[in-house]
Amino acid sequence: MAQTKKIVLYLLVVFVLYTIITSPKRSAELVEVGFEGIASAAEGVGDFMTELVR
């Protein structure tokens, strides 16, 4: 099981590096979308907590 995890992690790292090298502009767009999603989720949690306290 541990060996499988290492192989999957290695393949994931190779895939990410390949994607960044072959298409850096597209990779940057995907990272931006990811961070926007995280920021939106954090804002939603903050709004929820604010309303909960009121």
PDB file of N, CA and C in Angstrom:
ATOM      1  N   MET A   1       0.826  -1.200   0.000  1.00  0.00           N
ATOM      2  CA  MET A   1       0.000   0.000   0.000  1.00  0.00           C
ATOM      3  C   MET A   1       0.870   1.264   0.000  1.00  0.00           C
ATOM      4  N   ALA A   2       1.912   1.255   0.812  1.00  0.00           N
ATOM      5  CA  ALA A   2       2.806   2.415   0.875  1.00  0.00           C
ATOM      6  C   ALA A   2       3.530   2.607  -0.450  1.00  0.00           C
ATOM      7  N   GLN A   3       3.879   1.510  -1.091  1.00  0.00           N
ATOM      8  CA  GLN A   3       4.554   1.586  -2.387  1.00  0.00           C
ATOM      9  C   GLN A   3       3.619   2.215  -3.423  1.00  0.00           C
ATOM     10  N   THR A   4       2.346   1.862  -3.378  1.00  0.00           N
ATOM     11  CA  THR A   4       1.366   2.417  -4.313  1.00  0.00           C
ATOM     12  C   THR A   4       1.226   3.919  -4.118  1.00  0.00           C
ATOM     13  N   LYS A   5       1.209   4.368  -2.866  1.00  0.00           N
ATOM     14  CA  LYS A   5       1.116   5.797  -2.572  1.00  0.00           C
ATOM     15  C   LYS A   5       2.313   6.546  -3.155  1.00  0.00           C
ATOM     16  N   LYS A   6       3.493   5.968  -3.018  1.00  0.00           N
ATOM     17  CA  LYS A   6       4.697   6.601  -3.553  1.00  0.00           C
ATOM     18  C   LYS A   6       4.622   6.716  -5.072  1.00  0.00           C
ATOM     19  N   ILE A   7       4.152   5.673  -5.715  1.00  0.00           N
ATOM     20  CA  ILE A   7       4.055   5.677  -7.178  1.00  0.00           C
ATOM     21  C   ILE A   7       3.041   6.721  -7.641  1.00  0.00           C
ATOM     22  N   VAL A   8       1.883   6.759  -6.988  1.00  0.00           N
ATOM     23  CA  VAL A   8       0.842   7.720  -7.359  1.00  0.00           C
ATOM     24  C   VAL A   8       1.343   9.143  -7.130  1.00  0.00           C
ATOM     25  N   LEU A   9       1.998   9.392  -6.012  1.00  0.00           N
ATOM     26  CA  LEU A   9       2.538  10.723  -5.726  1.00  0.00           C
ATOM     27  C   LEU A   9       3.586  11.114  -6.764  1.00  0.00           C
ATOM     28  N   TYR A  10       4.463  10.187  -7.117  1.00  0.00           N
ATOM     29  CA  TYR A  10       5.488  10.442  -8.122  1.00  0.00           C
ATOM     30  C   TYR A  10       4.847  10.790  -9.467  1.00  0.00           C
ATOM     31  N   LEU A  11       3.846  10.017  -9.868  1.00  0.00           N
ATOM     32  CA  LEU A  11       3.157  10.290 -11.138  1.00  0.00           C
ATOM     33  C   LEU A  11       2.448  11.638 -11.109  1.00  0.00           C
ATOM     34  N   LEU A  12       1.856  11.983  -9.988  1.00  0.00           N
ATOM     35  CA  LEU A  12       1.186  13.277  -9.862  1.00  0.00           C
ATOM     36  C   LEU A  12       2.186  14.429  -9.996  1.00  0.00           C
ATOM     37  N   VAL A  13       3.335  14.301  -9.350  1.00  0.00           N
ATOM     38  CA  VAL A  13       4.368  15.345  -9.439  1.00  0.00           C
ATOM     39  C   VAL A  13       4.874  15.472 -10.873  1.00  0.00           C
ATOM     40  N   VAL A  14       5.116  14.349 -11.524  1.00  0.00           N
ATOM     41  CA  VAL A  14       5.581  14.377 -12.915  1.00  0.00           C
ATOM     42  C   VAL A  14       4.532  15.031 -13.810  1.00  0.00           C
ATOM     43  N   PHE A  15       3.265  14.700 -13.605  1.00  0.00           N
ATOM     44  CA  PHE A  15       2.194  15.294 -14.407  1.00  0.00           C
ATOM     45  C   PHE A  15       2.110  16.801 -14.209  1.00  0.00           C
ATOM     46  N   VAL A  16       2.185  17.241 -12.957  1.00  0.00           N
ATOM     47  CA  VAL A  16       2.114  18.684 -12.674  1.00  0.00           C
ATOM     48  C   VAL A  16       3.290  19.409 -13.308  1.00  0.00           C
ATOM     49  N   LEU A  17       4.483  18.872 -13.166  1.00  0.00           N
ATOM     50  CA  LEU A  17       5.658  19.509 -13.767  1.00  0.00           C
ATOM     51  C   LEU A  17       5.556  19.537 -15.291  1.00  0.00           C
ATOM     52  N   TYR A  18       5.101  18.447 -15.881  1.00  0.00           N
ATOM     53  CA  TYR A  18       4.915  18.405 -17.337  1.00  0.00           C
ATOM     54  C   TYR A  18       3.910  19.463 -17.788  1.00  0.00           C
ATOM     55  N   THR A  19       2.812  19.589 -17.057  1.00  0.00           N
ATOM     56  CA  THR A  19       1.784  20.571 -17.413  1.00  0.00           C
ATOM     57  C   THR A  19       2.326  21.993 -17.310  1.00  0.00           C
ATOM     58  N   ILE A  20       3.073  22.272 -16.260  1.00  0.00           N
ATOM     59  CA  ILE A  20       3.635  23.613 -16.074  1.00  0.00           C
ATOM     60  C   ILE A  20       4.643  23.932 -17.167  1.00  0.00           C
ATOM     61  N   ILE A  21       5.465  22.977 -17.518  1.00  0.00           N
ATOM     62  CA  ILE A  21       6.502  23.215 -18.522  1.00  0.00           C
ATOM     63  C   ILE A  21       5.902  23.382 -19.913  1.00  0.00           C
ATOM     64  N   THR A  22       4.918  22.559 -20.252  1.00  0.00           N
ATOM     65  CA  THR A  22       4.370  22.604 -21.612  1.00  0.00           C
ATOM     66  C   THR A  22       3.344  23.709 -21.809  1.00  0.00           C
ATOM     67  N   SER A  23       2.667  24.131 -20.745  1.00  0.00           N
ATOM     68  CA  SER A  23       1.626  25.145 -20.884  1.00  0.00           C
ATOM     69  C   SER A  23       1.592  26.038 -19.644  1.00  0.00           C
ATOM     70  N   PRO A  24       2.585  26.893 -19.472  1.00  0.00           N
ATOM     71  CA  PRO A  24       2.643  27.705 -18.250  1.00  0.00           C
ATOM     72  C   PRO A  24       1.480  28.693 -18.119  1.00  0.00           C
ATOM     73  N   LYS A  25       1.016  29.222 -19.243  1.00  0.00           N
ATOM     74  CA  LYS A  25      -0.087  30.187 -19.173  1.00  0.00           C
ATOM     75  C   LYS A  25      -1.356  29.510 -18.666  1.00  0.00           C
ATOM     76  N   ARG A  26      -1.667  28.366 -19.211  1.00  0.00           N
ATOM     77  CA  ARG A  26      -2.853  27.618 -18.778  1.00  0.00           C
ATOM     78  C   ARG A  26      -2.720  27.184 -17.319  1.00  0.00           C
ATOM     79  N   SER A  27      -1.535  26.781 -16.921  1.00  0.00           N
ATOM     80  CA  SER A  27      -1.308  26.380 -15.531  1.00  0.00           C
ATOM     81  C   SER A  27      -1.550  27.551 -14.582  1.00  0.00           C
ATOM     82  N   ALA A  28      -1.085  28.726 -14.959  1.00  0.00           N
ATOM     83  CA  ALA A  28      -1.295  29.918 -14.131  1.00  0.00           C
ATOM     84  C   ALA A  28      -2.782  30.232 -14.017  1.00  0.00           C
ATOM     85  N   GLU A  29      -3.519  30.060 -15.109  1.00  0.00           N
ATOM     86  CA  GLU A  29      -4.963  30.308 -15.064  1.00  0.00           C
ATOM     87  C   GLU A  29      -5.653  29.332 -14.116  1.00  0.00           C
ATOM     88  N   LEU A  30      -5.246  28.080 -14.148  1.00  0.00           N
ATOM     89  CA  LEU A  30      -5.854  27.080 -13.259  1.00  0.00           C
ATOM     90  C   LEU A  30      -5.547  27.378 -11.795  1.00  0.00           C
ATOM     91  N   VAL A  31      -4.332  27.800 -11.505  1.00  0.00           N
ATOM     92  CA  VAL A  31      -3.976  28.154 -10.128  1.00  0.00           C
ATOM     93  C   VAL A  31      -4.790  29.358  -9.674  1.00  0.00           C
ATOM     94  N   GLU A  32      -4.953  30.326 -10.558  1.00  0.00           N
ATOM     95  CA  GLU A  32      -5.745  31.509 -10.218  1.00  0.00           C
ATOM     96  C   GLU A  32      -7.188  31.120  -9.901  1.00  0.00           C
ATOM     97  N   VAL A  33      -7.767  30.264 -10.712  1.00  0.00           N
ATOM     98  CA  VAL A  33      -9.137  29.805 -10.467  1.00  0.00           C
ATOM     99  C   VAL A  33      -9.212  29.077  -9.126  1.00  0.00           C
ATOM    100  N   GLY A  34      -8.221  28.266  -8.831  1.00  0.00           N
ATOM    101  CA  GLY A  34      -8.198  27.550  -7.554  1.00  0.00           C
ATOM    102  C   GLY A  34      -8.150  28.493  -6.364  1.00  0.00           C
ATOM    103  N   PHE A  35      -7.293  29.512  -6.439  1.00  0.00           N
ATOM    104  CA  PHE A  35      -7.200  30.465  -5.339  1.00  0.00           C
ATOM    105  C   PHE A  35      -8.467  31.296  -5.211  1.00  0.00           C
ATOM    106  N   GLU A  36      -9.104  31.625  -6.331  1.00  0.00           N
ATOM    107  CA  GLU A  36     -10.372  32.349  -6.262  1.00  0.00           C
ATOM    108  C   GLU A  36     -11.429  31.502  -5.564  1.00  0.00           C
ATOM    109  N   GLY A  37     -11.439  30.214  -5.836  1.00  0.00           N
ATOM    110  CA  GLY A  37     -12.383  29.315  -5.177  1.00  0.00           C
ATOM    111  C   GLY A  37     -12.137  29.230  -3.682  1.00  0.00           C
ATOM    112  N   ILE A  38     -10.877  29.143  -3.293  1.00  0.00           N
ATOM    113  CA  ILE A  38     -10.542  29.084  -1.872  1.00  0.00           C
ATOM    114  C   ILE A  38     -10.927  30.384  -1.183  1.00  0.00           C
ATOM    115  N   ALA A  39     -10.651  31.515  -1.829  1.00  0.00           N
ATOM    116  CA  ALA A  39     -10.996  32.812  -1.246  1.00  0.00           C
ATOM    117  C   ALA A  39     -12.510  32.958  -1.106  1.00  0.00           C
ATOM    118  N   SER A  40     -13.234  32.502  -2.097  1.00  0.00           N
ATOM    119  CA  SER A  40     -14.695  32.573  -2.049  1.00  0.00           C
ATOM    120  C   SER A  40     -15.240  31.706  -0.916  1.00  0.00           C
ATOM    121  N   ALA A  41     -14.689  30.524  -0.754  1.00  0.00           N
ATOM    122  CA  ALA A  41     -15.128  29.636   0.324  1.00  0.00           C
ATOM    123  C   ALA A  41     -14.829  30.252   1.689  1.00  0.00           C
ATOM    124  N   ALA A  42     -13.660  30.842   1.835  1.00  0.00           N
ATOM    125  CA  ALA A  42     -13.300  31.480   3.104  1.00  0.00           C
ATOM    126  C   ALA A  42     -14.224  32.653   3.395  1.00  0.00           C
ATOM    127  N   GLU A  43     -14.559  33.408   2.376  1.00  0.00           N
ATOM    128  CA  GLU A  43     -15.480  34.535   2.553  1.00  0.00           C
ATOM    129  C   GLU A  43     -16.858  34.028   2.991  1.00  0.00           C
ATOM    130  N   GLY A  44     -17.303  32.934   2.395  1.00  0.00           N
ATOM    131  CA  GLY A  44     -18.589  32.349   2.772  1.00  0.00           C
ATOM    132  C   GLY A  44     -18.600  31.890   4.223  1.00  0.00           C
ATOM    133  N   VAL A  45     -17.512  31.271   4.665  1.00  0.00           N
ATOM    134  CA  VAL A  45     -17.415  30.837   6.057  1.00  0.00           C
ATOM    135  C   VAL A  45     -17.425  32.052   6.980  1.00  0.00           C
ATOM    136  N   GLY A  46     -16.712  33.095   6.591  1.00  0.00           N
ATOM    137  CA  GLY A  46     -16.695  34.322   7.393  1.00  0.00           C
ATOM    138  C   GLY A  46     -18.071  34.948   7.496  1.00  0.00           C
ATOM    139  N   ASP A  47     -18.794  34.999   6.387  1.00  0.00           N
ATOM    140  CA  ASP A  47     -20.159  35.539   6.411  1.00  0.00           C
ATOM    141  C   ASP A  47     -21.066  34.695   7.309  1.00  0.00           C
ATOM    142  N   PHE A  48     -20.911  33.382   7.211  1.00  0.00           N
ATOM    143  CA  PHE A  48     -21.710  32.492   8.050  1.00  0.00           C
ATOM    144  C   PHE A  48     -21.445  32.731   9.527  1.00  0.00           C
ATOM    145  N   MET A  49     -20.175  32.825   9.887  1.00  0.00           N
ATOM    146  CA  MET A  49     -19.818  33.047  11.301  1.00  0.00           C
ATOM    147  C   MET A  49     -20.325  34.396  11.787  1.00  0.00           C
ATOM    148  N   THR A  50     -20.251  35.407  10.923  1.00  0.00           N
ATOM    149  CA  THR A  50     -20.743  36.731  11.301  1.00  0.00           C
ATOM    150  C   THR A  50     -22.241  36.684  11.577  1.00  0.00           C
ATOM    151  N   GLU A  51     -22.987  36.033  10.720  1.00  0.00           N
ATOM    152  CA  GLU A  51     -24.429  35.925  10.926  1.00  0.00           C
ATOM    153  C   GLU A  51     -24.763  35.060  12.125  1.00  0.00           C
ATOM    154  N   LEU A  52     -23.938  34.069  12.409  1.00  0.00           N
ATOM    155  CA  LEU A  52     -24.161  33.198  13.551  1.00  0.00           C
ATOM    156  C   LEU A  52     -24.010  33.961  14.860  1.00  0.00           C
ATOM    157  N   VAL A  53     -23.055  34.887  14.905  1.00  0.00           N
ATOM    158  CA  VAL A  53     -22.795  35.656  16.116  1.00  0.00           C
ATOM    159  C   VAL A  53     -23.893  36.686  16.360  1.00  0.00           C
ATOM    160  N   ARG A  54     -24.477  37.200  15.307  1.00  0.00           N
ATOM    161  CA  ARG A  54     -25.503  38.247  15.468  1.00  0.00           C
ATOM    162  C   ARG A  54     -26.694  37.744  16.146  1.00  0.00           C
TER     163      ARG A  54
END
